[in-house]
Amino acid sequence: MKTNIFSWLLRITAAVIFLQTLFFKFTASEESVYIFSTLGMEPFGRIGSGVAELVAAILLLVPRTTLYGALLGLGIMAGAIASHLFVLGIEVKADGGLLFVLAVVSFVCCAILAYLNKKDLPFNLS
């Protein structure tokens, strides 16, 4: 029971972070356009990552597909973290590092969820 509550807290946390960024990506907010222009991926990277985050959030919230949402979220957030570390910097447009912290929190939630749901892989890791 405790694992189930913990799992749902992780799912909701990651999904809410993914979903709240969609507004900024899909409305071409100044920060999103700046980030993806700096990365040389505007507008397709911004819109594509928004769609991927939407799919990841939905998959995370459906118990049978949580593993796949977690794996997709890990990939997306690994890219976001790498972008911050190697191109953008931790702080973007005076956000105090908030976007970086949200990416790390999402990554950790997805990593734990992937571990908790590894039994759902179509192959055996051991």
C-alpha atoms as a PDB file:
ATOM      1  CA  MET A   1       0.000   0.000   0.000  1.00  0.00           C
ATOM      2  CA  LYS A   2       2.804   2.456   0.871  1.00  0.00           C
ATOM      3  CA  THR A   3       4.502   1.707  -2.446  1.00  0.00           C
ATOM      4  CA  ASN A   4       1.275   2.410  -4.308  1.00  0.00           C
ATOM      5  CA  ILE A   5       0.816   5.806  -2.612  1.00  0.00           C
ATOM      6  CA  PHE A   6       4.486   6.645  -3.227  1.00  0.00           C
ATOM      7  CA  SER A   7       4.146   5.583  -6.863  1.00  0.00           C
ATOM      8  CA  TRP A   8       1.098   7.801  -7.343  1.00  0.00           C
ATOM      9  CA  LEU A   9       2.886  10.771  -5.740  1.00  0.00           C
ATOM     10  CA  LEU A  10       5.775  10.299  -8.171  1.00  0.00           C
ATOM     11  CA  ARG A  11       3.421   9.908 -11.151  1.00  0.00           C
ATOM     12  CA  ILE A  12       1.419  12.995 -10.278  1.00  0.00           C
ATOM     13  CA  THR A  13       4.514  15.085  -9.572  1.00  0.00           C
ATOM     14  CA  ALA A  14       6.152  14.268 -12.905  1.00  0.00           C
ATOM     15  CA  ALA A  15       2.890  14.545 -14.860  1.00  0.00           C
ATOM     16  CA  VAL A  16       2.026  17.937 -13.342  1.00  0.00           C
ATOM     17  CA  ILE A  17       5.489  19.278 -14.166  1.00  0.00           C
ATOM     18  CA  PHE A  18       5.183  18.008 -17.750  1.00  0.00           C
ATOM     19  CA  LEU A  19       1.656  19.350 -18.160  1.00  0.00           C
ATOM     20  CA  GLN A  20       2.317  22.789 -16.697  1.00  0.00           C
ATOM     21  CA  THR A  21       5.105  23.437 -19.203  1.00  0.00           C
ATOM     22  CA  LEU A  22       2.785  22.754 -22.147  1.00  0.00           C
ATOM     23  CA  PHE A  23       1.102  26.143 -21.899  1.00  0.00           C
ATOM     24  CA  PHE A  24       4.463  27.893 -22.276  1.00  0.00           C
ATOM     25  CA  LYS A  25       5.604  25.682 -25.146  1.00  0.00           C
ATOM     26  CA  PHE A  26       2.380  25.728 -27.122  1.00  0.00           C
ATOM     27  CA  THR A  27       1.787  29.490 -26.715  1.00  0.00           C
ATOM     28  CA  ALA A  28       5.371  30.332 -27.721  1.00  0.00           C
ATOM     29  CA  SER A  29       6.190  32.115 -24.472  1.00  0.00           C
ATOM     30  CA  GLU A  30       9.298  34.275 -24.503  1.00  0.00           C
ATOM     31  CA  GLU A  31      11.296  31.825 -22.350  1.00  0.00           C
ATOM     32  CA  SER A  32      10.405  28.793 -24.469  1.00  0.00           C
ATOM     33  CA  VAL A  33      11.217  30.551 -27.721  1.00  0.00           C
ATOM     34  CA  TYR A  34      14.512  31.781 -26.244  1.00  0.00           C
ATOM     35  CA  ILE A  35      15.470  28.288 -25.027  1.00  0.00           C
ATOM     36  CA  PHE A  36      14.709  26.510 -28.279  1.00  0.00           C
ATOM     37  CA  SER A  37      16.205  29.314 -30.413  1.00  0.00           C
ATOM     38  CA  THR A  38      19.413  29.028 -28.398  1.00  0.00           C
ATOM     39  CA  LEU A  39      19.391  25.279 -29.000  1.00  0.00           C
ATOM     40  CA  GLY A  40      18.712  25.813 -32.726  1.00  0.00           C
ATOM     41  CA  MET A  41      15.440  23.895 -32.494  1.00  0.00           C
ATOM     42  CA  GLU A  42      12.769  26.604 -32.693  1.00  0.00           C
ATOM     43  CA  PRO A  43       9.852  25.992 -33.378  1.00  0.00           C
ATOM     44  CA  PHE A  44       9.909  22.256 -34.116  1.00  0.00           C
ATOM     45  CA  GLY A  45      11.889  21.282 -31.013  1.00  0.00           C
ATOM     46  CA  ARG A  46       9.620  23.347 -28.785  1.00  0.00           C
ATOM     47  CA  ILE A  47       6.417  21.900 -30.195  1.00  0.00           C
ATOM     48  CA  GLY A  48       7.848  18.377 -30.495  1.00  0.00           C
ATOM     49  CA  SER A  49       9.064  18.330 -26.920  1.00  0.00           C
ATOM     50  CA  GLY A  50       5.668  19.634 -25.803  1.00  0.00           C
ATOM     51  CA  VAL A  51       3.911  16.797 -27.599  1.00  0.00           C
ATOM     52  CA  ALA A  52       6.369  14.270 -26.127  1.00  0.00           C
ATOM     53  CA  GLU A  53       5.793  15.654 -22.619  1.00  0.00           C
ATOM     54  CA  LEU A  54       2.026  15.443 -23.107  1.00  0.00           C
ATOM     55  CA  VAL A  55       2.324  11.796 -24.173  1.00  0.00           C
ATOM     56  CA  ALA A  56       4.660  11.044 -21.238  1.00  0.00           C
ATOM     57  CA  ALA A  57       2.221  12.644 -18.760  1.00  0.00           C
ATOM     58  CA  ILE A  58      -0.688  10.602 -20.074  1.00  0.00           C
ATOM     59  CA  LEU A  59       1.334   7.374 -20.021  1.00  0.00           C
ATOM     60  CA  LEU A  60       2.508   8.083 -16.464  1.00  0.00           C
ATOM     61  CA  LEU A  61      -1.042   8.449 -15.197  1.00  0.00           C
ATOM     62  CA  VAL A  62      -2.305   5.183 -16.696  1.00  0.00           C
ATOM     63  CA  PRO A  63      -1.129   2.356 -14.400  1.00  0.00           C
ATOM     64  CA  ARG A  64      -0.588  -0.140 -17.248  1.00  0.00           C
ATOM     65  CA  THR A  65       1.640   2.306 -19.144  1.00  0.00           C
ATOM     66  CA  THR A  66       3.502   3.987 -16.292  1.00  0.00           C
ATOM     67  CA  LEU A  67       6.794   2.295 -17.196  1.00  0.00           C
ATOM     68  CA  TYR A  68       6.648   3.628 -20.758  1.00  0.00           C
ATOM     69  CA  GLY A  69       5.793   7.133 -19.564  1.00  0.00           C
ATOM     70  CA  ALA A  70       8.683   6.975 -17.119  1.00  0.00           C
ATOM     71  CA  LEU A  71      11.118   5.850 -19.816  1.00  0.00           C
ATOM     72  CA  LEU A  72       9.916   8.560 -22.199  1.00  0.00           C
ATOM     73  CA  GLY A  73      10.128  11.126 -19.396  1.00  0.00           C
ATOM     74  CA  LEU A  74      13.680  10.012 -18.591  1.00  0.00           C
ATOM     75  CA  GLY A  75      14.720  10.607 -22.175  1.00  0.00           C
ATOM     76  CA  ILE A  76      13.054  13.997 -22.410  1.00  0.00           C
ATOM     77  CA  MET A  77      14.457  15.192 -19.091  1.00  0.00           C
ATOM     78  CA  ALA A  78      17.937  13.840 -19.845  1.00  0.00           C
ATOM     79  CA  GLY A  79      17.886  16.089 -22.907  1.00  0.00           C
ATOM     80  CA  ALA A  80      16.630  19.043 -20.879  1.00  0.00           C
ATOM     81  CA  ILE A  81      19.271  18.557 -18.185  1.00  0.00           C
ATOM     82  CA  ALA A  82      22.051  18.175 -20.760  1.00  0.00           C
ATOM     83  CA  SER A  83      20.840  21.331 -22.523  1.00  0.00           C
ATOM     84  CA  HIS A  84      21.013  23.262 -19.271  1.00  0.00           C
ATOM     85  CA  LEU A  85      24.428  21.903 -18.312  1.00  0.00           C
ATOM     86  CA  PHE A  86      26.161  22.296 -21.670  1.00  0.00           C
ATOM     87  CA  VAL A  87      24.369  25.083 -23.558  1.00  0.00           C
ATOM     88  CA  LEU A  88      21.840  27.143 -21.620  1.00  0.00           C
ATOM     89  CA  GLY A  89      23.282  27.258 -18.124  1.00  0.00           C
ATOM     90  CA  ILE A  90      21.449  26.421 -14.922  1.00  0.00           C
ATOM     91  CA  GLU A  91      19.654  29.772 -14.837  1.00  0.00           C
ATOM     92  CA  VAL A  92      17.691  30.824 -17.910  1.00  0.00           C
ATOM     93  CA  LYS A  93      16.307  34.339 -18.279  1.00  0.00           C
ATOM     94  CA  ALA A  94      16.659  35.055 -14.536  1.00  0.00           C
ATOM     95  CA  ASP A  95      14.469  32.108 -13.485  1.00  0.00           C
ATOM     96  CA  GLY A  96      16.743  31.313 -10.539  1.00  0.00           C
ATOM     97  CA  GLY A  97      17.349  27.826 -11.936  1.00  0.00           C
ATOM     98  CA  LEU A  98      13.689  26.829 -11.598  1.00  0.00           C
ATOM     99  CA  LEU A  99      13.462  25.117 -14.991  1.00  0.00           C
ATOM    100  CA  PHE A 100      16.620  23.134 -14.257  1.00  0.00           C
ATOM    101  CA  VAL A 101      15.304  22.053 -10.848  1.00  0.00           C
ATOM    102  CA  LEU A 102      11.969  20.998 -12.374  1.00  0.00           C
ATOM    103  CA  ALA A 103      13.844  18.930 -14.971  1.00  0.00           C
ATOM    104  CA  VAL A 104      15.895  17.222 -12.253  1.00  0.00           C
ATOM    105  CA  VAL A 105      12.815  16.535 -10.104  1.00  0.00           C
ATOM    106  CA  SER A 106      10.989  15.065 -13.111  1.00  0.00           C
ATOM    107  CA  PHE A 107      14.023  12.961 -14.021  1.00  0.00           C
ATOM    108  CA  VAL A 108      14.302  11.550 -10.488  1.00  0.00           C
ATOM    109  CA  CYS A 109      10.555  10.786 -10.336  1.00  0.00           C
ATOM    110  CA  CYS A 110      10.720   8.998 -13.689  1.00  0.00           C
ATOM    111  CA  ALA A 111      13.859   7.069 -12.704  1.00  0.00           C
ATOM    112  CA  ILE A 112      12.210   5.774  -9.530  1.00  0.00           C
ATOM    113  CA  LEU A 113       9.020   4.927 -11.418  1.00  0.00           C
ATOM    114  CA  ALA A 114      10.999   3.053 -14.068  1.00  0.00           C
ATOM    115  CA  TYR A 115      12.708   1.044 -11.331  1.00  0.00           C
ATOM    116  CA  LEU A 116       9.435   0.323  -9.498  1.00  0.00           C
ATOM    117  CA  ASN A 117       7.770  -0.814 -12.726  1.00  0.00           C
ATOM    118  CA  LYS A 118      10.663  -2.723 -14.330  1.00  0.00           C
ATOM    119  CA  LYS A 119       8.614  -5.914 -14.018  1.00  0.00           C
ATOM    120  CA  ASP A 120       6.457  -4.577 -16.860  1.00  0.00           C
ATOM    121  CA  LEU A 121       9.335  -4.703 -19.336  1.00  0.00           C
ATOM    122  CA  PRO A 122       8.704  -7.167 -22.162  1.00  0.00           C
ATOM    123  CA  PHE A 123      12.074  -8.799 -21.366  1.00  0.00           C
ATOM    124  CA  ASN A 124      13.929  -9.828 -18.210  1.00  0.00           C
ATOM    125  CA  LEU A 125      16.851  -7.690 -17.039  1.00  0.00           C
ATOM    126  CA  SER A 126      18.313 -10.250 -14.633  1.00  0.00           C
END
